[in-house]
C-alpha atoms as a PDB file:
ATOM      1  CA  MET A   1     -48.005-137.781  65.988  1.00  0.00           C
ATOM      2  CA  HIS A   2     -51.639-136.737  65.608  1.00  0.00           C
ATOM      3  CA  ARG A   3     -50.975-133.443  67.466  1.00  0.00           C
ATOM      4  CA  PHE A   4     -48.054-132.585  65.124  1.00  0.00           C
ATOM      5  CA  PHE A   5     -50.231-133.200  62.104  1.00  0.00           C
ATOM      6  CA  VAL A   6     -52.976-130.886  63.343  1.00  0.00           C
ATOM      7  CA  THR A   7     -50.437-128.148  64.167  1.00  0.00           C
ATOM      8  CA  ALA A   8     -48.734-128.511  60.753  1.00  0.00           C
ATOM      9  CA  ALA A   9     -52.100-128.423  59.022  1.00  0.00           C
ATOM     10  CA  ALA A  10     -53.127-125.292  60.949  1.00  0.00           C
ATOM     11  CA  VAL A  11     -49.832-123.552  59.921  1.00  0.00           C
ATOM     12  CA  ALA A  12     -50.300-124.660  56.325  1.00  0.00           C
ATOM     13  CA  VAL A  13     -53.754-123.027  56.229  1.00  0.00           C
ATOM     14  CA  ALA A  14     -52.890-119.940  58.300  1.00  0.00           C
ATOM     15  CA  LEU A  15     -49.642-119.055  56.596  1.00  0.00           C
ATOM     16  CA  PRO A  16     -51.143-118.405  53.120  1.00  0.00           C
ATOM     17  CA  LEU A  17     -54.101-116.666  54.754  1.00  0.00           C
ATOM     18  CA  GLY A  18     -51.695-114.421  56.706  1.00  0.00           C
ATOM     19  CA  ILE A  19     -49.742-113.619  53.556  1.00  0.00           C
ATOM     20  CA  PHE A  20     -52.949-112.835  51.691  1.00  0.00           C
ATOM     21  CA  ILE A  21     -54.132-110.543  54.506  1.00  0.00           C
ATOM     22  CA  GLY A  22     -50.704-108.918  54.581  1.00  0.00           C
ATOM     23  CA  GLN A  23     -50.821-108.239  50.839  1.00  0.00           C
ATOM     24  CA  SER A  24     -54.265-106.721  51.245  1.00  0.00           C
ATOM     25  CA  ASP A  25     -52.990-104.440  54.042  1.00  0.00           C
ATOM     26  CA  LEU A  26     -50.030-103.512  51.840  1.00  0.00           C
ATOM     27  CA  ARG A  27     -52.277-102.487  48.998  1.00  0.00           C
ATOM     28  CA  GLU A  28     -54.293-100.265  51.341  1.00  0.00           C
ATOM     29  CA  ALA A  29     -51.117 -98.831  52.894  1.00  0.00           C
ATOM     30  CA  SER A  30     -49.773 -97.885  49.486  1.00  0.00           C
ATOM     31  CA  ALA A  31     -52.732 -95.665  48.580  1.00  0.00           C
ATOM     32  CA  ARG A  32     -51.471 -92.265  47.504  1.00  0.00           C
ATOM     33  CA  ASP A  33     -52.679 -88.683  47.572  1.00  0.00           C
ATOM     34  CA  GLU A  34     -51.917 -86.855  44.390  1.00  0.00           C
ATOM     35  CA  ILE A  35     -51.097 -83.132  44.352  1.00  0.00           C
ATOM     36  CA  VAL A  36     -50.382 -81.321  41.110  1.00  0.00           C
ATOM     37  CA  VAL A  37     -48.758 -77.852  40.970  1.00  0.00           C
ATOM     38  CA  ILE A  38     -47.033 -75.735  38.331  1.00  0.00           C
ATOM     39  CA  GLU A  39     -43.650 -74.076  38.903  1.00  0.00           C
ATOM     40  CA  HIS A  40     -42.746 -70.929  36.936  1.00  0.00           C
ATOM     41  CA  ALA A  41     -38.988 -71.384  36.526  1.00  0.00           C
ATOM     42  CA  SER A  42     -38.292 -67.646  36.338  1.00  0.00           C
ATOM     43  CA  SER A  43     -35.308 -67.395  38.714  1.00  0.00           C
ATOM     44  CA  ASP A  44     -33.250 -70.435  37.611  1.00  0.00           C
ATOM     45  CA  THR A  45     -29.577 -69.387  37.619  1.00  0.00           C
ATOM     46  CA  VAL A  46     -26.644 -71.559  36.582  1.00  0.00           C
ATOM     47  CA  VAL A  47     -23.374 -70.868  38.420  1.00  0.00           C
ATOM     48  CA  ASP A  48     -20.451 -71.893  36.212  1.00  0.00           C
ATOM     49  CA  ASN A  49     -17.983 -73.865  38.392  1.00  0.00           C
ATOM     50  CA  GLY A  50     -14.841 -75.615  37.089  1.00  0.00           C
ATOM     51  CA  ASP A  51     -14.375 -75.678  33.340  1.00  0.00           C
ATOM     52  CA  GLU A  52     -15.915 -72.816  31.411  1.00  0.00           C
ATOM     53  CA  GLY A  53     -19.357 -73.591  30.026  1.00  0.00           C
ATOM     54  CA  ASP A  54     -21.531 -76.587  30.810  1.00  0.00           C
ATOM     55  CA  SER A  55     -19.406 -78.912  32.959  1.00  0.00           C
ATOM     56  CA  VAL A  56     -19.620 -81.325  35.853  1.00  0.00           C
ATOM     57  CA  GLY A  57     -19.826 -79.387  39.119  1.00  0.00           C
ATOM     58  CA  ASP A  58     -21.858 -76.446  37.851  1.00  0.00           C
ATOM     59  CA  SER A  59     -24.735 -75.399  40.096  1.00  0.00           C
ATOM     60  CA  LEU A  60     -28.313 -74.466  39.345  1.00  0.00           C
ATOM     61  CA  VAL A  61     -30.056 -72.461  42.071  1.00  0.00           C
ATOM     62  CA  PHE A  62     -33.644 -71.265  42.157  1.00  0.00           C
ATOM     63  CA  ALA A  63     -36.521 -69.767  44.185  1.00  0.00           C
ATOM     64  CA  ASN A  64     -39.671 -69.768  42.082  1.00  0.00           C
ATOM     65  CA  ASP A  65     -43.428 -69.243  42.364  1.00  0.00           C
ATOM     66  CA  ILE A  66     -45.778 -72.255  42.563  1.00  0.00           C
ATOM     67  CA  TYR A  67     -49.264 -72.089  40.995  1.00  0.00           C
ATOM     68  CA  ASP A  68     -52.231 -74.417  41.240  1.00  0.00           C
ATOM     69  CA  SER A  69     -52.816 -77.256  38.805  1.00  0.00           C
ATOM     70  CA  GLU A  70     -54.720 -74.915  36.449  1.00  0.00           C
ATOM     71  CA  ASP A  71     -51.728 -72.522  36.486  1.00  0.00           C
ATOM     72  CA  ALA A  72     -54.155 -69.728  37.528  1.00  0.00           C
ATOM     73  CA  ASN A  73     -53.505 -68.941  41.224  1.00  0.00           C
ATOM     74  CA  LEU A  74     -50.249 -68.402  43.065  1.00  0.00           C
ATOM     75  CA  ILE A  75     -50.263 -70.898  45.983  1.00  0.00           C
ATOM     76  CA  GLY A  76     -46.696 -71.112  47.180  1.00  0.00           C
ATOM     77  CA  SER A  77     -43.026 -71.123  46.315  1.00  0.00           C
ATOM     78  CA  ASP A  78     -40.051 -73.387  46.001  1.00  0.00           C
ATOM     79  CA  GLN A  79     -36.362 -73.093  46.603  1.00  0.00           C
ATOM     80  CA  GLY A  80     -33.469 -75.429  45.930  1.00  0.00           C
ATOM     81  CA  SER A  81     -30.411 -76.344  43.976  1.00  0.00           C
ATOM     82  CA  CYS A  82     -29.003 -78.841  41.549  1.00  0.00           C
ATOM     83  CA  THR A  83     -25.448 -79.954  40.821  1.00  0.00           C
ATOM     84  CA  ARG A  84     -24.411 -80.919  37.282  1.00  0.00           C
ATOM     85  CA  VAL A  85     -23.322 -84.555  37.411  1.00  0.00           C
ATOM     86  CA  LYS A  86     -23.155 -85.174  33.645  1.00  0.00           C
ATOM     87  CA  ALA A  87     -22.488 -82.411  31.155  1.00  0.00           C
ATOM     88  CA  ALA A  88     -24.269 -82.362  27.859  1.00  0.00           C
ATOM     89  CA  SER A  89     -22.072 -83.669  25.097  1.00  0.00           C
ATOM     90  CA  LYS A  90     -20.909 -81.283  22.383  1.00  0.00           C
ATOM     91  CA  LYS A  91     -22.618 -83.260  19.628  1.00  0.00           C
ATOM     92  CA  ASP A  92     -25.970 -83.671  21.452  1.00  0.00           C
ATOM     93  CA  ALA A  93     -26.782 -80.843  23.892  1.00  0.00           C
ATOM     94  CA  VAL A  94     -29.795 -82.610  25.452  1.00  0.00           C
ATOM     95  CA  ASP A  95     -28.273 -85.409  27.442  1.00  0.00           C
ATOM     96  CA  GLY A  96     -27.035 -83.565  30.527  1.00  0.00           C
ATOM     97  CA  LEU A  97     -28.000 -84.690  34.011  1.00  0.00           C
ATOM     98  CA  TRP A  98     -28.485 -82.784  37.281  1.00  0.00           C
ATOM     99  CA  GLU A  99     -28.847 -84.081  40.857  1.00  0.00           C
ATOM    100  CA  CYS A 100     -31.271 -81.919  42.695  1.00  0.00           C
ATOM    101  CA  SER A 101     -32.949 -81.226  46.024  1.00  0.00           C
ATOM    102  CA  TRP A 102     -35.613 -78.663  46.840  1.00  0.00           C
ATOM    103  CA  THR A 103     -38.544 -77.767  49.008  1.00  0.00           C
ATOM    104  CA  VAL A 104     -42.031 -76.725  47.836  1.00  0.00           C
ATOM    105  CA  SER A 105     -43.749 -74.460  50.349  1.00  0.00           C
ATOM    106  CA  LEU A 106     -47.594 -74.433  50.348  1.00  0.00           C
ATOM    107  CA  ALA A 107     -50.088 -72.929  52.729  1.00  0.00           C
ATOM    108  CA  ASP A 108     -50.495 -76.158  54.685  1.00  0.00           C
ATOM    109  CA  GLY A 109     -46.839 -77.234  54.868  1.00  0.00           C
ATOM    110  CA  ASN A 110     -43.656 -78.025  52.938  1.00  0.00           C
ATOM    111  CA  ILE A 111     -42.699 -81.023  50.763  1.00  0.00           C
ATOM    112  CA  SER A 112     -39.047 -81.805  50.108  1.00  0.00           C
ATOM    113  CA  VAL A 113     -37.764 -83.834  47.155  1.00  0.00           C
ATOM    114  CA  GLN A 114     -34.428 -85.211  45.906  1.00  0.00           C
ATOM    115  CA  GLY A 115     -33.358 -86.839  42.640  1.00  0.00           C
ATOM    116  CA  LYS A 116     -32.262 -86.414  39.063  1.00  0.00           C
ATOM    117  CA  SER A 117     -33.363 -83.974  36.393  1.00  0.00           C
ATOM    118  CA  VAL A 118     -32.522 -84.495  32.737  1.00  0.00           C
ATOM    119  CA  ASP A 119     -32.066 -81.951  29.973  1.00  0.00           C
ATOM    120  CA  ASP A 120     -33.841 -83.846  27.256  1.00  0.00           C
ATOM    121  CA  GLY A 121     -37.368 -82.658  27.996  1.00  0.00           C
ATOM    122  CA  THR A 122     -38.630 -85.948  29.342  1.00  0.00           C
ATOM    123  CA  ALA A 123     -40.319 -86.400  32.731  1.00  0.00           C
ATOM    124  CA  THR A 124     -38.305 -87.764  35.611  1.00  0.00           C
ATOM    125  CA  THR A 125     -39.294 -89.059  38.989  1.00  0.00           C
ATOM    126  CA  LEU A 126     -37.761 -87.747  42.204  1.00  0.00           C
ATOM    127  CA  THR A 127     -38.135 -89.069  45.797  1.00  0.00           C
ATOM    128  CA  VAL A 128     -40.251 -87.257  48.316  1.00  0.00           C
ATOM    129  CA  THR A 129     -37.901 -87.098  51.287  1.00  0.00           C
ATOM    130  CA  GLY A 130     -40.198 -85.540  53.896  1.00  0.00           C
ATOM    131  CA  GLY A 131     -42.397 -82.662  54.814  1.00  0.00           C
ATOM    132  CA  THR A 132     -43.814 -80.368  57.431  1.00  0.00           C
ATOM    133  CA  GLY A 133     -47.367 -79.427  58.538  1.00  0.00           C
ATOM    134  CA  GLU A 134     -49.934 -81.463  56.680  1.00  0.00           C
ATOM    135  CA  TYR A 135     -47.082 -83.271  54.915  1.00  0.00           C
ATOM    136  CA  SER A 136     -45.167 -84.213  58.083  1.00  0.00           C
ATOM    137  CA  GLY A 137     -43.488 -87.555  57.562  1.00  0.00           C
ATOM    138  CA  ALA A 138     -44.346 -87.552  53.842  1.00  0.00           C
ATOM    139  CA  SER A 139     -42.853 -90.163  51.523  1.00  0.00           C
ATOM    140  CA  GLY A 140     -43.551 -91.126  47.977  1.00  0.00           C
ATOM    141  CA  GLU A 141     -42.505 -89.611  44.662  1.00  0.00           C
ATOM    142  CA  MET A 142     -42.780 -86.504  42.521  1.00  0.00           C
ATOM    143  CA  VAL A 143     -42.896 -86.552  38.735  1.00  0.00           C
ATOM    144  CA  LEU A 144     -41.084 -83.519  37.293  1.00  0.00           C
ATOM    145  CA  GLU A 145     -42.392 -82.693  33.794  1.00  0.00           C
ATOM    146  CA  PRO A 146     -41.196 -79.729  31.686  1.00  0.00           C
ATOM    147  CA  ILE A 147     -44.036 -77.774  30.105  1.00  0.00           C
ATOM    148  CA  ASN A 148     -44.210 -74.619  27.969  1.00  0.00           C
ATOM    149  CA  ASP A 149     -40.905 -75.455  26.282  1.00  0.00           C
ATOM    150  CA  GLY A 150     -39.181 -75.762  29.676  1.00  0.00           C
ATOM    151  CA  ALA A 151     -40.208 -72.311  30.898  1.00  0.00           C
ATOM    152  CA  ASP A 152     -42.436 -74.021  33.529  1.00  0.00           C
ATOM    153  CA  TYR A 153     -42.591 -77.396  35.244  1.00  0.00           C
ATOM    154  CA  LYS A 154     -45.491 -79.579  36.311  1.00  0.00           C
ATOM    155  CA  PHE A 155     -44.895 -81.273  39.677  1.00  0.00           C
ATOM    156  CA  THR A 156     -47.093 -84.287  40.362  1.00  0.00           C
ATOM    157  CA  PHE A 157     -46.673 -85.422  43.958  1.00  0.00           C
ATOM    158  CA  ARG A 158     -47.820 -88.921  44.830  1.00  0.00           C
ATOM    159  CA  ILE A 159     -47.713 -88.901  48.639  1.00  0.00           C
ATOM    160  CA  ASP A 160     -48.060 -92.182  50.479  1.00  0.00           C
ATOM    161  CA  ASP A 161     -50.840 -92.224  53.056  1.00  0.00           C
END
């Protein structure tokens, strides 16, 4: 009986300690590197599929230049596509929704993302699905924020270490 009590007491002390250590490790593992770039959305082209005008199934394709966070130096490019999954309503033309995937190519590797983009001018968050080079195995998120009245986009990557 005494042996069982000592073992149970050891587990009762060690279990919370292990959980605490695990949470500390989790906090360290979730540290993120932040990369900010600016996309000049100069080549965006909508392909009208299905019903004429803005409708579900339309495609948006692009291959644009990527600039540094100060929007001063060309540092890469991106290429990708989006599919219209919700058309803007006739009474309110800002509630459309796209499902997108694209790759940003920088000097030290590529970062790929996937997720939604909205037409209402608000920022949305996409998933970082992977990368190459310095970004090999990347995960995390990218905040997509329209700037300059939607002529450009700010990409804020938060890459998990």
